Amino acid sequence: MDAIVKEFSLSDSNMSRPSREEAEEAVRTLLRWAGEDPSREGLLDTPSRVAKAYGELFGGYNEDIEDVLGRTFEEVGGYDDIVLIKDIPFFSHCEHHMVPIIGKAHVAYLPAGRVLGLSKIARVVDIFARRLQTQETMTAQIATAIDQSLGPRGVAVMIEAEHMCMAMRGIRKQGSTTITTTFLGAFKEEAHEQVRFMTMLRGR
């Protein structure tokens, strides 16, 4: 299978991954910069907890999209209409401020003889979400990964999310939602397919 969505890795640059100890010391530095005392009782284990949490929150860098999407199924009984998984919850982090993005993804495709296991689509969303992101990039990455892996007649992805960088800092507007879409193949070329996708979402 051709490489699915060019992914950044430390091996692509001159950087090397810091040690766990270096990561924890960086947290202590941030605590001091914020005005705290990392040696006080309540913060003694915070660097270790933060490093462990980051390993989970940004675990998408350690997962391979090809491993997730490599297996497809051809026994579909002639089914060739929309497959839609909607309201896939995700948590991501803005690459500009490293604060949360909280939202839902809606992913659809039109099969061309093969289908994906439904859980695979949710895992693709999760892998890209657990990286530093912009919503626009994440939307395109999900669509492109499914398109390159499955070769469907079309892919549609919509993401609706609230950005804490807008709610917690700066303009501080809570409750606003950002919507992004990517349409490929028939969903991009045939207006009625986009209409069907949007109609199915409104029906949720």
Protein backbone atom coordinates (compact mmCIF):
# COMPACT_ATOMS: atom_id res chain seq x y z
CA MET A 1 0.00 0.00 0.00
CA ASP A 2 1.28 3.48 -0.82
CA ALA A 3 2.13 5.66 2.15
CA ILE A 4 -1.06 7.16 3.55
CA VAL A 5 -0.85 10.89 4.30
CA LYS A 6 2.73 12.06 4.75
CA GLU A 7 3.28 12.13 8.49
CA PHE A 8 5.84 14.11 10.42
CA SER A 9 8.24 12.12 12.55
CA LEU A 10 11.34 12.99 14.51
CA SER A 11 13.34 10.94 12.00
CA ASP A 12 12.39 13.50 9.30
CA SER A 13 14.35 16.22 11.12
CA ASN A 14 17.51 16.70 13.11
CA MET A 15 15.59 16.46 16.39
CA SER A 16 15.66 13.56 18.80
CA ARG A 17 13.00 12.65 21.34
CA PRO A 18 13.89 13.99 24.82
CA SER A 19 14.09 11.59 27.73
CA ARG A 20 11.29 11.25 30.26
CA GLU A 21 13.52 13.04 32.79
CA GLU A 22 14.03 15.97 30.41
CA ALA A 23 10.29 16.22 29.84
CA GLU A 24 9.61 16.29 33.57
CA GLU A 25 12.25 18.98 34.10
CA ALA A 26 10.56 21.05 31.38
CA VAL A 27 7.31 20.84 33.35
CA ARG A 28 9.11 22.07 36.47
CA THR A 29 10.46 25.00 34.45
CA LEU A 30 6.94 25.90 33.28
CA LEU A 31 5.64 25.69 36.85
CA ARG A 32 8.34 28.10 38.03
CA TRP A 33 7.63 30.41 35.09
CA ALA A 34 3.92 30.44 36.02
CA GLY A 35 4.86 31.53 39.54
CA GLU A 36 4.59 28.19 41.32
CA ASP A 37 6.99 26.21 43.49
CA PRO A 38 7.50 22.72 41.98
CA SER A 39 8.87 21.51 45.31
CA ARG A 40 5.71 22.09 47.30
CA GLU A 41 3.79 18.97 48.31
CA GLY A 42 0.88 19.31 45.90
CA LEU A 43 3.20 19.66 42.89
CA LEU A 44 5.89 17.11 43.68
CA ASP A 45 4.41 14.45 41.38
CA THR A 46 2.96 16.87 38.82
CA PRO A 47 5.88 16.65 36.34
CA SER A 48 5.60 12.87 36.27
CA ARG A 49 1.82 13.02 35.87
CA VAL A 50 2.04 15.59 33.08
CA ALA A 51 4.62 13.54 31.17
CA LYS A 52 2.43 10.45 31.48
CA ALA A 53 -0.66 12.41 30.40
CA TYR A 54 1.15 13.84 27.38
CA GLY A 55 2.11 10.33 26.36
CA GLU A 56 -1.60 9.53 26.16
CA LEU A 57 -2.87 12.85 24.81
CA PHE A 58 -0.30 12.85 21.99
CA GLY A 59 -0.16 9.10 21.45
CA GLY A 60 -1.23 9.56 17.83
CA TYR A 61 2.39 10.22 16.89
CA ASN A 62 3.20 6.63 17.84
CA GLU A 63 0.45 5.01 15.74
CA ASP A 64 0.61 4.10 12.07
CA ILE A 65 -2.44 4.93 9.92
CA GLU A 66 -1.53 2.12 7.53
CA ASP A 67 -1.76 -0.44 10.33
CA VAL A 68 -5.30 0.74 11.10
CA LEU A 69 -6.57 0.99 7.54
CA GLY A 70 -4.65 -1.88 6.01
CA ARG A 71 -7.49 -4.41 6.23
CA THR A 72 -10.66 -4.00 4.21
CA PHE A 73 -13.60 -6.28 3.44
CA GLU A 74 -14.96 -7.20 0.01
CA GLU A 75 -17.99 -9.23 1.10
CA VAL A 76 -20.50 -6.37 1.03
CA GLY A 77 -23.46 -8.07 -0.68
CA GLY A 78 -23.44 -5.52 -3.48
CA TYR A 79 -23.84 -2.55 -1.09
CA ASP A 80 -22.60 0.66 -2.72
CA ASP A 81 -24.45 3.48 -0.94
CA ILE A 82 -23.31 5.89 1.75
CA VAL A 83 -21.62 4.56 4.87
CA LEU A 84 -21.82 7.27 7.52
CA ILE A 85 -20.51 7.31 11.06
CA LYS A 86 -21.58 10.47 12.80
CA ASP A 87 -20.98 12.07 16.17
CA ILE A 88 -17.53 10.53 16.73
CA PRO A 89 -16.29 12.40 19.81
CA PHE A 90 -12.68 13.52 19.96
CA PHE A 91 -10.27 15.60 22.00
CA SER A 92 -7.33 17.26 20.31
CA HIS A 93 -4.91 20.12 21.02
CA CYS A 94 -4.34 23.32 19.09
CA GLU A 95 -0.83 23.45 17.68
CA HIS A 96 -0.66 27.19 18.28
CA HIS A 97 -1.42 27.30 22.01
CA MET A 98 -1.48 23.59 23.02
CA VAL A 99 -4.91 23.91 24.60
CA PRO A 100 -7.84 21.54 23.93
CA ILE A 101 -10.06 21.27 20.89
CA ILE A 102 -13.23 19.38 21.79
CA GLY A 103 -15.66 18.20 19.16
CA LYS A 104 -17.30 15.57 17.01
CA ALA A 105 -16.39 14.20 13.61
CA HIS A 106 -18.79 12.91 10.95
CA VAL A 107 -17.24 10.64 8.32
CA ALA A 108 -18.88 9.13 5.24
CA TYR A 109 -17.74 7.28 2.15
CA LEU A 110 -19.24 5.67 -0.94
CA PRO A 111 -17.85 2.11 -1.30
CA ALA A 112 -16.33 0.87 -4.51
CA GLY A 113 -16.45 -2.85 -3.78
CA ARG A 114 -14.69 -2.70 -0.40
CA VAL A 115 -15.58 -1.41 3.07
CA LEU A 116 -13.73 -0.67 6.29
CA GLY A 117 -14.54 -2.01 9.72
CA LEU A 118 -16.60 0.70 11.40
CA SER A 119 -14.27 0.94 14.38
CA LYS A 120 -11.38 1.68 12.02
CA ILE A 121 -12.92 5.00 11.03
CA ALA A 122 -13.26 6.05 14.65
CA ARG A 123 -9.64 5.03 15.25
CA VAL A 124 -8.46 7.16 12.33
CA VAL A 125 -10.20 10.17 13.88
CA ASP A 126 -8.59 9.36 17.22
CA ILE A 127 -5.08 8.98 15.81
CA PHE A 128 -5.11 12.33 14.04
CA ALA A 129 -6.82 14.00 17.01
CA ARG A 130 -4.10 12.85 19.41
CA ARG A 131 -1.54 15.10 17.75
CA LEU A 132 -1.02 18.84 17.74
CA GLN A 133 -3.53 20.02 15.15
CA THR A 134 -5.45 22.66 13.35
CA GLN A 135 -9.03 21.67 12.68
CA GLU A 136 -8.63 22.32 8.97
CA THR A 137 -5.62 20.02 8.71
CA MET A 138 -7.24 17.26 10.75
CA THR A 139 -10.35 17.32 8.55
CA ALA A 140 -8.29 16.93 5.39
CA GLN A 141 -6.04 14.25 6.91
CA ILE A 142 -8.96 12.01 7.86
CA ALA A 143 -10.52 12.27 4.40
CA THR A 144 -7.24 11.72 2.55
CA ALA A 145 -6.28 8.70 4.67
CA ILE A 146 -9.58 6.94 3.98
CA ASP A 147 -9.49 7.86 0.30
CA GLN A 148 -5.94 6.56 -0.21
CA SER A 149 -6.51 3.37 1.77
CA LEU A 150 -9.94 2.31 0.56
CA GLY A 151 -10.19 3.83 -2.92
CA PRO A 152 -13.91 4.65 -2.50
CA ARG A 153 -16.05 6.58 -4.96
CA GLY A 154 -16.11 9.48 -2.53
CA VAL A 155 -15.30 10.62 1.01
CA ALA A 156 -16.95 13.30 3.12
CA VAL A 157 -15.71 14.56 6.48
CA MET A 158 -17.23 17.23 8.70
CA ILE A 159 -15.80 18.31 12.03
CA GLU A 160 -17.62 20.47 14.56
CA ALA A 161 -15.49 21.65 17.47
CA GLU A 162 -15.00 24.22 20.20
CA HIS A 163 -11.50 25.63 20.57
CA MET A 164 -10.33 26.40 24.08
CA CYS A 165 -7.74 28.81 22.68
CA MET A 166 -10.74 30.98 21.78
CA ALA A 167 -12.81 30.19 24.88
CA MET A 168 -10.15 30.36 27.61
CA ARG A 169 -7.80 33.07 26.35
CA GLY A 170 -7.69 35.96 23.90
CA ILE A 171 -11.22 36.92 22.93
CA ARG A 172 -12.67 34.46 25.52
CA LYS A 173 -15.87 33.57 23.69
CA GLN A 174 -17.32 30.36 25.09
CA GLY A 175 -19.71 28.12 23.21
CA SER A 176 -18.78 29.09 19.66
CA THR A 177 -18.36 26.19 17.24
CA THR A 178 -16.09 25.88 14.22
CA ILE A 179 -17.22 23.69 11.33
CA THR A 180 -14.88 22.37 8.64
CA THR A 181 -15.53 20.00 5.74
CA THR A 182 -13.56 18.06 3.17
CA PHE A 183 -15.25 16.41 0.18
CA LEU A 184 -13.46 14.06 -2.19
CA GLY A 185 -14.57 12.16 -5.29
CA ALA A 186 -18.32 11.95 -5.84
CA PHE A 187 -19.04 14.07 -2.76
CA LYS A 188 -17.04 16.90 -4.33
CA GLU A 189 -18.11 16.43 -7.93
CA GLU A 190 -21.81 15.63 -7.49
CA ALA A 191 -23.86 18.20 -5.59
CA HIS A 192 -26.65 15.74 -4.78
CA GLU A 193 -24.21 13.53 -2.86
CA GLN A 194 -23.24 16.48 -0.67
CA VAL A 195 -26.92 17.20 -0.14
CA ARG A 196 -27.56 13.60 0.91
CA PHE A 197 -24.62 13.73 3.33
CA MET A 198 -25.85 16.96 4.92
CA THR A 199 -29.44 15.68 5.06
CA MET A 200 -28.35 12.54 6.88
CA LEU A 201 -26.42 14.65 9.39
CA ARG A 202 -29.38 16.96 10.03
CA GLY A 203 -31.45 13.90 10.75
CA ARG A 204 -29.32 13.08 13.80
